[in-house]
Amino acid sequence: MSLLNYFKDTRSEMKHVSWPTRKQVINFTLLVLLICILTGIFLGLFDFLFTTGLKALILK
């Protein structure tokens, strides 16, 4: 298969792709950002609790 055929086939396949609308892209991006922020808060809270707990056990 030549490189030219590869690009032709790729272009042909890209026409069959169902692209999301602008509104969907914005909504999904905001959803991903929200999930990342909430996950960061969740993990940060548990890190703080475990660190505080371990310090309390070690310093007893």
N, C-alpha and C. Protein backbone atom coordinates (compact mmCIF):
# COMPACT_ATOMS: atom_id res chain seq x y z
N MET A 1 0.85 -1.17 0.00
CA MET A 1 0.00 0.00 0.00
C MET A 1 0.90 1.24 0.00
N SER A 2 0.65 2.14 -0.90
CA SER A 2 1.48 3.34 -0.98
C SER A 2 0.98 4.39 0.01
N LEU A 3 1.83 5.33 0.27
CA LEU A 3 1.50 6.41 1.19
C LEU A 3 0.33 7.24 0.66
N LEU A 4 0.28 7.43 -0.63
CA LEU A 4 -0.81 8.20 -1.24
C LEU A 4 -2.15 7.50 -1.03
N ASN A 5 -2.17 6.19 -1.22
CA ASN A 5 -3.41 5.43 -1.00
C ASN A 5 -3.84 5.49 0.46
N TYR A 6 -2.88 5.44 1.33
CA TYR A 6 -3.18 5.53 2.77
C TYR A 6 -3.90 6.84 3.08
N PHE A 7 -3.38 7.95 2.58
CA PHE A 7 -4.01 9.24 2.85
C PHE A 7 -5.38 9.36 2.19
N LYS A 8 -5.53 8.79 1.02
CA LYS A 8 -6.84 8.80 0.36
C LYS A 8 -7.86 8.01 1.18
N ASP A 9 -7.47 6.84 1.62
CA ASP A 9 -8.36 6.01 2.44
C ASP A 9 -8.70 6.70 3.76
N THR A 10 -7.71 7.32 4.36
CA THR A 10 -7.94 8.03 5.61
C THR A 10 -8.92 9.17 5.42
N ARG A 11 -8.75 9.93 4.37
CA ARG A 11 -9.67 11.04 4.09
C ARG A 11 -11.09 10.52 3.85
N SER A 12 -11.19 9.41 3.15
CA SER A 12 -12.50 8.82 2.88
C SER A 12 -13.17 8.37 4.18
N GLU A 13 -12.40 7.76 5.06
CA GLU A 13 -12.96 7.29 6.34
C GLU A 13 -13.37 8.45 7.25
N MET A 14 -12.62 9.54 7.19
CA MET A 14 -12.93 10.69 8.04
C MET A 14 -14.28 11.32 7.67
N LYS A 15 -14.74 11.11 6.46
CA LYS A 15 -16.04 11.63 6.05
C LYS A 15 -17.18 10.85 6.72
N HIS A 16 -16.90 9.65 7.19
CA HIS A 16 -17.92 8.82 7.84
C HIS A 16 -18.01 9.06 9.34
N VAL A 17 -17.09 9.84 9.87
CA VAL A 17 -17.05 10.09 11.31
C VAL A 17 -18.20 11.01 11.70
N SER A 18 -18.85 10.69 12.79
CA SER A 18 -19.91 11.54 13.33
C SER A 18 -19.27 12.48 14.37
N TRP A 19 -19.04 13.72 13.98
CA TRP A 19 -18.35 14.67 14.85
C TRP A 19 -19.33 15.28 15.84
N PRO A 20 -18.89 15.53 17.07
CA PRO A 20 -19.78 16.15 18.06
C PRO A 20 -20.02 17.62 17.73
N THR A 21 -21.14 18.13 18.22
CA THR A 21 -21.44 19.54 18.02
C THR A 21 -20.59 20.38 18.97
N ARG A 22 -20.54 21.67 18.72
CA ARG A 22 -19.77 22.59 19.57
C ARG A 22 -20.29 22.54 21.02
N LYS A 23 -21.61 22.48 21.17
CA LYS A 23 -22.21 22.44 22.50
C LYS A 23 -21.81 21.16 23.23
N GLN A 24 -21.79 20.04 22.54
CA GLN A 24 -21.38 18.78 23.15
C GLN A 24 -19.92 18.83 23.60
N VAL A 25 -19.07 19.40 22.76
CA VAL A 25 -17.65 19.50 23.11
C VAL A 25 -17.46 20.35 24.36
N ILE A 26 -18.16 21.47 24.44
CA ILE A 26 -18.06 22.34 25.61
C ILE A 26 -18.58 21.62 26.85
N ASN A 27 -19.72 20.95 26.74
CA ASN A 27 -20.29 20.24 27.89
C ASN A 27 -19.37 19.11 28.36
N PHE A 28 -18.83 18.34 27.44
CA PHE A 28 -17.94 17.24 27.82
C PHE A 28 -16.64 17.75 28.43
N THR A 29 -16.14 18.88 27.90
CA THR A 29 -14.92 19.47 28.46
C THR A 29 -15.16 19.94 29.88
N LEU A 30 -16.28 20.61 30.12
CA LEU A 30 -16.60 21.06 31.47
C LEU A 30 -16.80 19.88 32.42
N LEU A 31 -17.42 18.81 31.92
CA LEU A 31 -17.61 17.63 32.74
C LEU A 31 -16.28 17.00 33.13
N VAL A 32 -15.36 16.90 32.20
CA VAL A 32 -14.03 16.33 32.49
C VAL A 32 -13.30 17.21 33.49
N LEU A 33 -13.35 18.53 33.33
CA LEU A 33 -12.70 19.43 34.27
C LEU A 33 -13.29 19.29 35.67
N LEU A 34 -14.61 19.20 35.76
CA LEU A 34 -15.28 19.04 37.05
C LEU A 34 -14.86 17.73 37.73
N ILE A 35 -14.83 16.65 36.97
CA ILE A 35 -14.42 15.36 37.52
C ILE A 35 -12.97 15.41 37.98
N CYS A 36 -12.10 16.07 37.23
CA CYS A 36 -10.69 16.20 37.62
C CYS A 36 -10.55 16.99 38.92
N ILE A 37 -11.29 18.08 39.03
CA ILE A 37 -11.23 18.90 40.24
C ILE A 37 -11.75 18.12 41.44
N LEU A 38 -12.87 17.45 41.28
CA LEU A 38 -13.44 16.67 42.39
C LEU A 38 -12.53 15.52 42.80
N THR A 39 -11.92 14.86 41.83
CA THR A 39 -10.99 13.78 42.13
C THR A 39 -9.77 14.32 42.87
N GLY A 40 -9.27 15.48 42.47
CA GLY A 40 -8.14 16.10 43.14
C GLY A 40 -8.47 16.45 44.58
N ILE A 41 -9.65 17.01 44.81
CA ILE A 41 -10.08 17.33 46.17
C ILE A 41 -10.21 16.06 47.01
N PHE A 42 -10.82 15.05 46.45
CA PHE A 42 -11.01 13.77 47.15
C PHE A 42 -9.67 13.15 47.54
N LEU A 43 -8.75 13.07 46.60
CA LEU A 43 -7.44 12.48 46.88
C LEU A 43 -6.64 13.34 47.84
N GLY A 44 -6.73 14.66 47.69
CA GLY A 44 -6.04 15.57 48.60
C GLY A 44 -6.55 15.44 50.03
N LEU A 45 -7.85 15.29 50.18
CA LEU A 45 -8.44 15.12 51.51
C LEU A 45 -7.95 13.83 52.17
N PHE A 46 -7.97 12.73 51.42
CA PHE A 46 -7.49 11.47 51.99
C PHE A 46 -5.99 11.52 52.28
N ASP A 47 -5.22 12.18 51.44
CA ASP A 47 -3.79 12.33 51.69
C ASP A 47 -3.57 13.10 52.99
N PHE A 48 -4.32 14.18 53.16
CA PHE A 48 -4.21 14.97 54.39
C PHE A 48 -4.58 14.13 55.62
N LEU A 49 -5.68 13.39 55.52
CA LEU A 49 -6.12 12.57 56.66
C LEU A 49 -5.11 11.47 56.99
N PHE A 50 -4.60 10.79 56.00
CA PHE A 50 -3.63 9.73 56.26
C PHE A 50 -2.32 10.29 56.80
N THR A 51 -1.88 11.42 56.26
CA THR A 51 -0.65 12.04 56.74
C THR A 51 -0.81 12.49 58.19
N THR A 52 -1.92 13.11 58.49
CA THR A 52 -2.18 13.54 59.87
C THR A 52 -2.28 12.36 60.81
N GLY A 53 -2.95 11.31 60.38
CA GLY A 53 -3.07 10.10 61.19
C GLY A 53 -1.73 9.43 61.45
N LEU A 54 -0.89 9.32 60.42
CA LEU A 54 0.42 8.72 60.59
C LEU A 54 1.32 9.55 61.51
N LYS A 55 1.25 10.87 61.37
CA LYS A 55 2.05 11.73 62.26
C LYS A 55 1.61 11.56 63.70
N ALA A 56 0.30 11.42 63.90
CA ALA A 56 -0.21 11.24 65.26
C ALA A 56 0.26 9.91 65.84
N LEU A 57 0.30 8.86 65.02
CA LEU A 57 0.75 7.55 65.50
C LEU A 57 2.25 7.53 65.77
N ILE A 58 3.01 8.18 64.90
CA ILE A 58 4.47 8.16 65.04
C ILE A 58 4.90 9.02 66.23
N LEU A 59 4.25 10.15 66.43
CA LEU A 59 4.68 11.07 67.47
C LEU A 59 4.12 10.73 68.85
N LYS A 60 3.34 9.67 68.97
CA LYS A 60 2.77 9.29 70.27
C LYS A 60 3.80 8.74 71.19
